[in-house]
Amino acid sequence: MSVMREELHDLVDRLPEEKVAPLLRLVRGQLEKRSIVRDLPFVGLLEAEPDFAERSEEILSVEDNHSL
C-alpha cells in the first residue's frame, strides 16, 4: 500500500462518526461513472427574432459604435 493510502486510512480512522457519511458520499462519487448534470436555469430565457443569431455580429458592431 502506498504512503498516501496509508495516510488516508489513518485520517479516516481518526474522523468523528458524524463526518464519515459526507466523506463516504464524496469517495463514492469519485468511483461512480456518471455524466455531469448541470443545472442551468437561465438557458432558453432569451427571446428574440428568428434571425437574431444570424444578425448578432451586426448588432454587436452597431452597439460598439454607439458606445464610443
PDB file of N, CA and C in Angstrom:
ATOM      1  N   MET A   1       0.857  -1.181   0.000  1.00  0.00           N
ATOM      2  CA  MET A   1       0.000   0.000   0.000  1.00  0.00           C
ATOM      3  C   MET A   1       0.898   1.238   0.000  1.00  0.00           C
ATOM      4  N   SER A   2       0.492   2.244  -0.772  1.00  0.00           N
ATOM      5  CA  SER A   2       1.304   3.456  -0.880  1.00  0.00           C
ATOM      6  C   SER A   2       1.212   4.285   0.402  1.00  0.00           C
ATOM      7  N   VAL A   3       2.160   5.176   0.551  1.00  0.00           N
ATOM      8  CA  VAL A   3       2.198   6.058   1.720  1.00  0.00           C
ATOM      9  C   VAL A   3       0.943   6.930   1.778  1.00  0.00           C
ATOM     10  N   MET A   4       0.492   7.408   0.621  1.00  0.00           N
ATOM     11  CA  MET A   4      -0.708   8.263   0.600  1.00  0.00           C
ATOM     12  C   MET A   4      -1.943   7.482   1.040  1.00  0.00           C
ATOM     13  N   ARG A   5      -2.061   6.229   0.601  1.00  0.00           N
ATOM     14  CA  ARG A   5      -3.214   5.416   1.004  1.00  0.00           C
ATOM     15  C   ARG A   5      -3.176   5.143   2.503  1.00  0.00           C
ATOM     16  N   GLU A   6      -1.989   4.869   3.027  1.00  0.00           N
ATOM     17  CA  GLU A   6      -1.853   4.634   4.474  1.00  0.00           C
ATOM     18  C   GLU A   6      -2.263   5.875   5.252  1.00  0.00           C
ATOM     19  N   GLU A   7      -1.827   7.038   4.778  1.00  0.00           N
ATOM     20  CA  GLU A   7      -2.205   8.282   5.446  1.00  0.00           C
ATOM     21  C   GLU A   7      -3.711   8.497   5.374  1.00  0.00           C
ATOM     22  N   LEU A   8      -4.310   8.231   4.218  1.00  0.00           N
ATOM     23  CA  LEU A   8      -5.750   8.377   4.068  1.00  0.00           C
ATOM     24  C   LEU A   8      -6.491   7.450   5.033  1.00  0.00           C
ATOM     25  N   HIS A   9      -6.061   6.208   5.119  1.00  0.00           N
ATOM     26  CA  HIS A   9      -6.682   5.263   6.050  1.00  0.00           C
ATOM     27  C   HIS A   9      -6.582   5.781   7.481  1.00  0.00           C
ATOM     28  N   ASP A  10      -5.426   6.280   7.853  1.00  0.00           N
ATOM     29  CA  ASP A  10      -5.225   6.799   9.212  1.00  0.00           C
ATOM     30  C   ASP A  10      -6.144   7.989   9.482  1.00  0.00           C
ATOM     31  N   LEU A  11      -6.221   8.894   8.535  1.00  0.00           N
ATOM     32  CA  LEU A  11      -7.077  10.073   8.712  1.00  0.00           C
ATOM     33  C   LEU A  11      -8.549   9.693   8.814  1.00  0.00           C
ATOM     34  N   VAL A  12      -8.983   8.752   7.987  1.00  0.00           N
ATOM     35  CA  VAL A  12     -10.382   8.301   8.034  1.00  0.00           C
ATOM     36  C   VAL A  12     -10.677   7.652   9.381  1.00  0.00           C
ATOM     37  N   ASP A  13      -9.752   6.853   9.873  1.00  0.00           N
ATOM     38  CA  ASP A  13      -9.947   6.207  11.171  1.00  0.00           C
ATOM     39  C   ASP A  13     -10.065   7.218  12.307  1.00  0.00           C
ATOM     40  N   ARG A  14      -9.455   8.378  12.154  1.00  0.00           N
ATOM     41  CA  ARG A  14      -9.489   9.406  13.210  1.00  0.00           C
ATOM     42  C   ARG A  14     -10.691  10.328  13.120  1.00  0.00           C
ATOM     43  N   LEU A  15     -11.459  10.237  12.027  1.00  0.00           N
ATOM     44  CA  LEU A  15     -12.627  11.107  11.870  1.00  0.00           C
ATOM     45  C   LEU A  15     -13.707  10.807  12.900  1.00  0.00           C
ATOM     46  N   PRO A  16     -14.377  11.854  13.381  1.00  0.00           N
ATOM     47  CA  PRO A  16     -15.564  11.618  14.217  1.00  0.00           C
ATOM     48  C   PRO A  16     -16.667  10.993  13.361  1.00  0.00           C
ATOM     49  N   GLU A  17     -17.507  10.201  13.971  1.00  0.00           N
ATOM     50  CA  GLU A  17     -18.523   9.436  13.235  1.00  0.00           C
ATOM     51  C   GLU A  17     -19.411  10.319  12.355  1.00  0.00           C
ATOM     52  N   GLU A  18     -19.754  11.519  12.823  1.00  0.00           N
ATOM     53  CA  GLU A  18     -20.655  12.385  12.044  1.00  0.00           C
ATOM     54  C   GLU A  18     -20.015  12.916  10.756  1.00  0.00           C
ATOM     55  N   LYS A  19     -18.714  12.808  10.632  1.00  0.00           N
ATOM     56  CA  LYS A  19     -18.018  13.264   9.419  1.00  0.00           C
ATOM     57  C   LYS A  19     -17.848  12.148   8.394  1.00  0.00           C
ATOM     58  N   VAL A  20     -18.165  10.924   8.771  1.00  0.00           N
ATOM     59  CA  VAL A  20     -17.931   9.777   7.883  1.00  0.00           C
ATOM     60  C   VAL A  20     -18.884   9.777   6.692  1.00  0.00           C
ATOM     61  N   ALA A  21     -20.177  10.020   6.910  1.00  0.00           N
ATOM     62  CA  ALA A  21     -21.166   9.949   5.829  1.00  0.00           C
ATOM     63  C   ALA A  21     -20.859  10.930   4.688  1.00  0.00           C
ATOM     64  N   PRO A  22     -20.561  12.211   4.972  1.00  0.00           N
ATOM     65  CA  PRO A  22     -20.238  13.119   3.850  1.00  0.00           C
ATOM     66  C   PRO A  22     -18.987  12.688   3.082  1.00  0.00           C
ATOM     67  N   LEU A  23     -18.002  12.191   3.799  1.00  0.00           N
ATOM     68  CA  LEU A  23     -16.782  11.733   3.142  1.00  0.00           C
ATOM     69  C   LEU A  23     -17.053  10.489   2.295  1.00  0.00           C
ATOM     70  N   LEU A  24     -17.878   9.605   2.804  1.00  0.00           N
ATOM     71  CA  LEU A  24     -18.246   8.409   2.068  1.00  0.00           C
ATOM     72  C   LEU A  24     -18.951   8.759   0.763  1.00  0.00           C
ATOM     73  N   ARG A  25     -19.866   9.748   0.811  1.00  0.00           N
ATOM     74  CA  ARG A  25     -20.547  10.189  -0.411  1.00  0.00           C
ATOM     75  C   ARG A  25     -19.547  10.760  -1.419  1.00  0.00           C
ATOM     76  N   LEU A  26     -18.594  11.514  -0.922  1.00  0.00           N
ATOM     77  CA  LEU A  26     -17.576  12.098  -1.798  1.00  0.00           C
ATOM     78  C   LEU A  26     -16.758  11.012  -2.488  1.00  0.00           C
ATOM     79  N   VAL A  27     -16.311  10.037  -1.730  1.00  0.00           N
ATOM     80  CA  VAL A  27     -15.489   8.968  -2.290  1.00  0.00           C
ATOM     81  C   VAL A  27     -16.303   8.129  -3.269  1.00  0.00           C
ATOM     82  N   ARG A  28     -17.534   7.796  -2.901  1.00  0.00           N
ATOM     83  CA  ARG A  28     -18.382   7.033  -3.823  1.00  0.00           C
ATOM     84  C   ARG A  28     -18.596   7.798  -5.121  1.00  0.00           C
ATOM     85  N   GLY A  29     -18.768   9.112  -5.015  1.00  0.00           N
ATOM     86  CA  GLY A  29     -18.953   9.952  -6.201  1.00  0.00           C
ATOM     87  C   GLY A  29     -17.752   9.910  -7.126  1.00  0.00           C
ATOM     88  N   GLN A  30     -16.571   9.739  -6.567  1.00  0.00           N
ATOM     89  CA  GLN A  30     -15.361   9.649  -7.384  1.00  0.00           C
ATOM     90  C   GLN A  30     -15.274   8.323  -8.130  1.00  0.00           C
ATOM     91  N   LEU A  31     -15.942   7.305  -7.615  1.00  0.00           N
ATOM     92  CA  LEU A  31     -15.867   5.977  -8.217  1.00  0.00           C
ATOM     93  C   LEU A  31     -16.986   5.708  -9.213  1.00  0.00           C
ATOM     94  N   GLU A  32     -18.071   6.449  -9.100  1.00  0.00           N
ATOM     95  CA  GLU A  32     -19.202   6.237  -9.991  1.00  0.00           C
ATOM     96  C   GLU A  32     -18.923   6.854 -11.354  1.00  0.00           C
ATOM     97  N   LYS A  33     -19.312   6.137 -12.376  1.00  0.00           N
ATOM     98  CA  LYS A  33     -19.194   6.674 -13.729  1.00  0.00           C
ATOM     99  C   LYS A  33     -20.546   7.242 -14.105  1.00  0.00           C
ATOM    100  N   ARG A  34     -20.650   8.544 -14.057  1.00  0.00           N
ATOM    101  CA  ARG A  34     -21.906   9.197 -14.422  1.00  0.00           C
ATOM    102  C   ARG A  34     -21.584  10.514 -15.104  1.00  0.00           C
ATOM    103  N   SER A  35     -22.498  10.933 -15.900  1.00  0.00           N
ATOM    104  CA  SER A  35     -22.290  12.196 -16.591  1.00  0.00           C
ATOM    105  C   SER A  35     -22.553  13.345 -15.622  1.00  0.00           C
ATOM    106  N   ILE A  36     -21.910  14.443 -15.895  1.00  0.00           N
ATOM    107  CA  ILE A  36     -22.086  15.627 -15.059  1.00  0.00           C
ATOM    108  C   ILE A  36     -23.402  16.286 -15.429  1.00  0.00           C
ATOM    109  N   VAL A  37     -24.237  16.489 -14.432  1.00  0.00           N
ATOM    110  CA  VAL A  37     -25.518  17.155 -14.640  1.00  0.00           C
ATOM    111  C   VAL A  37     -25.383  18.564 -14.105  1.00  0.00           C
ATOM    112  N   ARG A  38     -25.662  19.497 -14.960  1.00  0.00           N
ATOM    113  CA  ARG A  38     -25.556  20.897 -14.542  1.00  0.00           C
ATOM    114  C   ARG A  38     -26.922  21.539 -14.599  1.00  0.00           C
ATOM    115  N   ASP A  39     -27.229  22.281 -13.579  1.00  0.00           N
ATOM    116  CA  ASP A  39     -28.495  22.993 -13.518  1.00  0.00           C
ATOM    117  C   ASP A  39     -28.260  24.388 -14.083  1.00  0.00           C
ATOM    118  N   LEU A  40     -28.772  24.626 -15.267  1.00  0.00           N
ATOM    119  CA  LEU A  40     -28.602  25.912 -15.932  1.00  0.00           C
ATOM    120  C   LEU A  40     -29.978  26.531 -16.157  1.00  0.00           C
ATOM    121  N   PRO A  41     -30.554  27.125 -15.118  1.00  0.00           N
ATOM    122  CA  PRO A  41     -31.918  27.635 -15.227  1.00  0.00           C
ATOM    123  C   PRO A  41     -32.077  28.792 -16.198  1.00  0.00           C
ATOM    124  N   PHE A  42     -30.988  29.441 -16.581  1.00  0.00           N
ATOM    125  CA  PHE A  42     -31.088  30.598 -17.462  1.00  0.00           C
ATOM    126  C   PHE A  42     -31.128  30.210 -18.936  1.00  0.00           C
ATOM    127  N   VAL A  43     -30.831  28.963 -19.260  1.00  0.00           N
ATOM    128  CA  VAL A  43     -30.825  28.523 -20.649  1.00  0.00           C
ATOM    129  C   VAL A  43     -32.230  28.608 -21.223  1.00  0.00           C
ATOM    130  N   GLY A  44     -32.356  29.219 -22.368  1.00  0.00           N
ATOM    131  CA  GLY A  44     -33.640  29.314 -23.046  1.00  0.00           C
ATOM    132  C   GLY A  44     -34.474  30.504 -22.629  1.00  0.00           C
ATOM    133  N   LEU A  45     -33.931  31.404 -21.840  1.00  0.00           N
ATOM    134  CA  LEU A  45     -34.702  32.550 -21.379  1.00  0.00           C
ATOM    135  C   LEU A  45     -34.710  33.709 -22.372  1.00  0.00           C
ATOM    136  N   LEU A  46     -33.798  33.703 -23.314  1.00  0.00           N
ATOM    137  CA  LEU A  46     -33.698  34.793 -24.271  1.00  0.00           C
ATOM    138  C   LEU A  46     -34.754  34.635 -25.355  1.00  0.00           C
ATOM    139  N   GLU A  47     -35.515  35.682 -25.552  1.00  0.00           N
ATOM    140  CA  GLU A  47     -36.495  35.689 -26.634  1.00  0.00           C
ATOM    141  C   GLU A  47     -36.080  36.751 -27.633  1.00  0.00           C
ATOM    142  N   ALA A  48     -36.050  36.378 -28.899  1.00  0.00           N
ATOM    143  CA  ALA A  48     -35.649  37.323 -29.936  1.00  0.00           C
ATOM    144  C   ALA A  48     -36.228  36.892 -31.271  1.00  0.00           C
ATOM    145  N   GLU A  49     -36.004  37.745 -32.266  1.00  0.00           N
ATOM    146  CA  GLU A  49     -36.468  37.440 -33.603  1.00  0.00           C
ATOM    147  C   GLU A  49     -35.757  36.187 -34.109  1.00  0.00           C
ATOM    148  N   PRO A  50     -36.356  35.484 -35.089  1.00  0.00           N
ATOM    149  CA  PRO A  50     -35.734  34.259 -35.613  1.00  0.00           C
ATOM    150  C   PRO A  50     -34.335  34.461 -36.182  1.00  0.00           C
ATOM    151  N   ASP A  51     -34.037  35.655 -36.718  1.00  0.00           N
ATOM    152  CA  ASP A  51     -32.727  35.866 -37.322  1.00  0.00           C
ATOM    153  C   ASP A  51     -31.724  36.513 -36.364  1.00  0.00           C
ATOM    154  N   PHE A  52     -32.023  36.539 -35.095  1.00  0.00           N
ATOM    155  CA  PHE A  52     -31.161  37.201 -34.114  1.00  0.00           C
ATOM    156  C   PHE A  52     -29.741  36.644 -34.137  1.00  0.00           C
ATOM    157  N   ALA A  53     -29.598  35.336 -34.162  1.00  0.00           N
ATOM    158  CA  ALA A  53     -28.267  34.729 -34.160  1.00  0.00           C
ATOM    159  C   ALA A  53     -27.497  35.097 -35.422  1.00  0.00           C
ATOM    160  N   GLU A  54     -28.186  35.108 -36.539  1.00  0.00           N
ATOM    161  CA  GLU A  54     -27.539  35.449 -37.799  1.00  0.00           C
ATOM    162  C   GLU A  54     -27.088  36.908 -37.810  1.00  0.00           C
ATOM    163  N   ARG A  55     -27.831  37.772 -37.139  1.00  0.00           N
ATOM    164  CA  ARG A  55     -27.527  39.208 -37.142  1.00  0.00           C
ATOM    165  C   ARG A  55     -26.681  39.625 -35.947  1.00  0.00           C
ATOM    166  N   SER A  56     -26.246  38.697 -35.112  1.00  0.00           N
ATOM    167  CA  SER A  56     -25.576  39.053 -33.863  1.00  0.00           C
ATOM    168  C   SER A  56     -24.320  39.901 -34.073  1.00  0.00           C
ATOM    169  N   GLU A  57     -23.499  39.559 -35.065  1.00  0.00           N
ATOM    170  CA  GLU A  57     -22.292  40.352 -35.313  1.00  0.00           C
ATOM    171  C   GLU A  57     -22.650  41.780 -35.713  1.00  0.00           C
ATOM    172  N   GLU A  58     -23.651  41.927 -36.552  1.00  0.00           N
ATOM    173  CA  GLU A  58     -24.099  43.255 -36.977  1.00  0.00           C
ATOM    174  C   GLU A  58     -24.613  44.052 -35.778  1.00  0.00           C
ATOM    175  N   ILE A  59     -25.403  43.417 -34.964  1.00  0.00           N
ATOM    176  CA  ILE A  59     -25.973  44.077 -33.786  1.00  0.00           C
ATOM    177  C   ILE A  59     -24.872  44.519 -32.830  1.00  0.00           C
ATOM    178  N   LEU A  60     -23.902  43.644 -32.579  1.00  0.00           N
ATOM    179  CA  LEU A  60     -22.802  43.996 -31.681  1.00  0.00           C
ATOM    180  C   LEU A  60     -21.958  45.116 -32.244  1.00  0.00           C
ATOM    181  N   SER A  61     -21.734  45.117 -33.539  1.00  0.00           N
ATOM    182  CA  SER A  61     -20.965  46.162 -34.180  1.00  0.00           C
ATOM    183  C   SER A  61     -21.641  47.523 -34.014  1.00  0.00           C
ATOM    184  N   VAL A  62     -22.945  47.544 -34.227  1.00  0.00           N
ATOM    185  CA  VAL A  62     -23.705  48.780 -34.076  1.00  0.00           C
ATOM    186  C   VAL A  62     -23.656  49.261 -32.632  1.00  0.00           C
ATOM    187  N   GLU A  63     -23.786  48.348 -31.676  1.00  0.00           N
ATOM    188  CA  GLU A  63     -23.740  48.701 -30.258  1.00  0.00           C
ATOM    189  C   GLU A  63     -22.363  49.255 -29.884  1.00  0.00           C
ATOM    190  N   ASP A  64     -21.296  48.655 -30.408  1.00  0.00           N
ATOM    191  CA  ASP A  64     -19.953  49.136 -30.122  1.00  0.00           C
ATOM    192  C   ASP A  64     -19.762  50.548 -30.628  1.00  0.00           C
ATOM    193  N   ASN A  65     -20.294  50.850 -31.797  1.00  0.00           N
ATOM    194  CA  ASN A  65     -20.155  52.195 -32.367  1.00  0.00           C
ATOM    195  C   ASN A  65     -20.930  53.223 -31.556  1.00  0.00           C
ATOM    196  N   HIS A  66     -22.067  52.817 -30.976  1.00  0.00           N
ATOM    197  CA  HIS A  66     -22.850  53.738 -30.144  1.00  0.00           C
ATOM    198  C   HIS A  66     -22.175  54.047 -28.809  1.00  0.00           C
ATOM    199  N   SER A  67     -21.361  53.122 -28.336  1.00  0.00           N
ATOM    200  CA  SER A  67     -20.724  53.341 -27.023  1.00  0.00           C
ATOM    201  C   SER A  67     -19.500  54.230 -27.104  1.00  0.00           C
ATOM    202  N   LEU A  68     -19.042  54.571 -28.315  1.00  0.00           N
ATOM    203  CA  LEU A  68     -17.860  55.442 -28.466  1.00  0.00           C
ATOM    204  C   LEU A  68     -18.159  56.865 -28.231  1.00  0.00           C
TER     205      LEU A  68
END
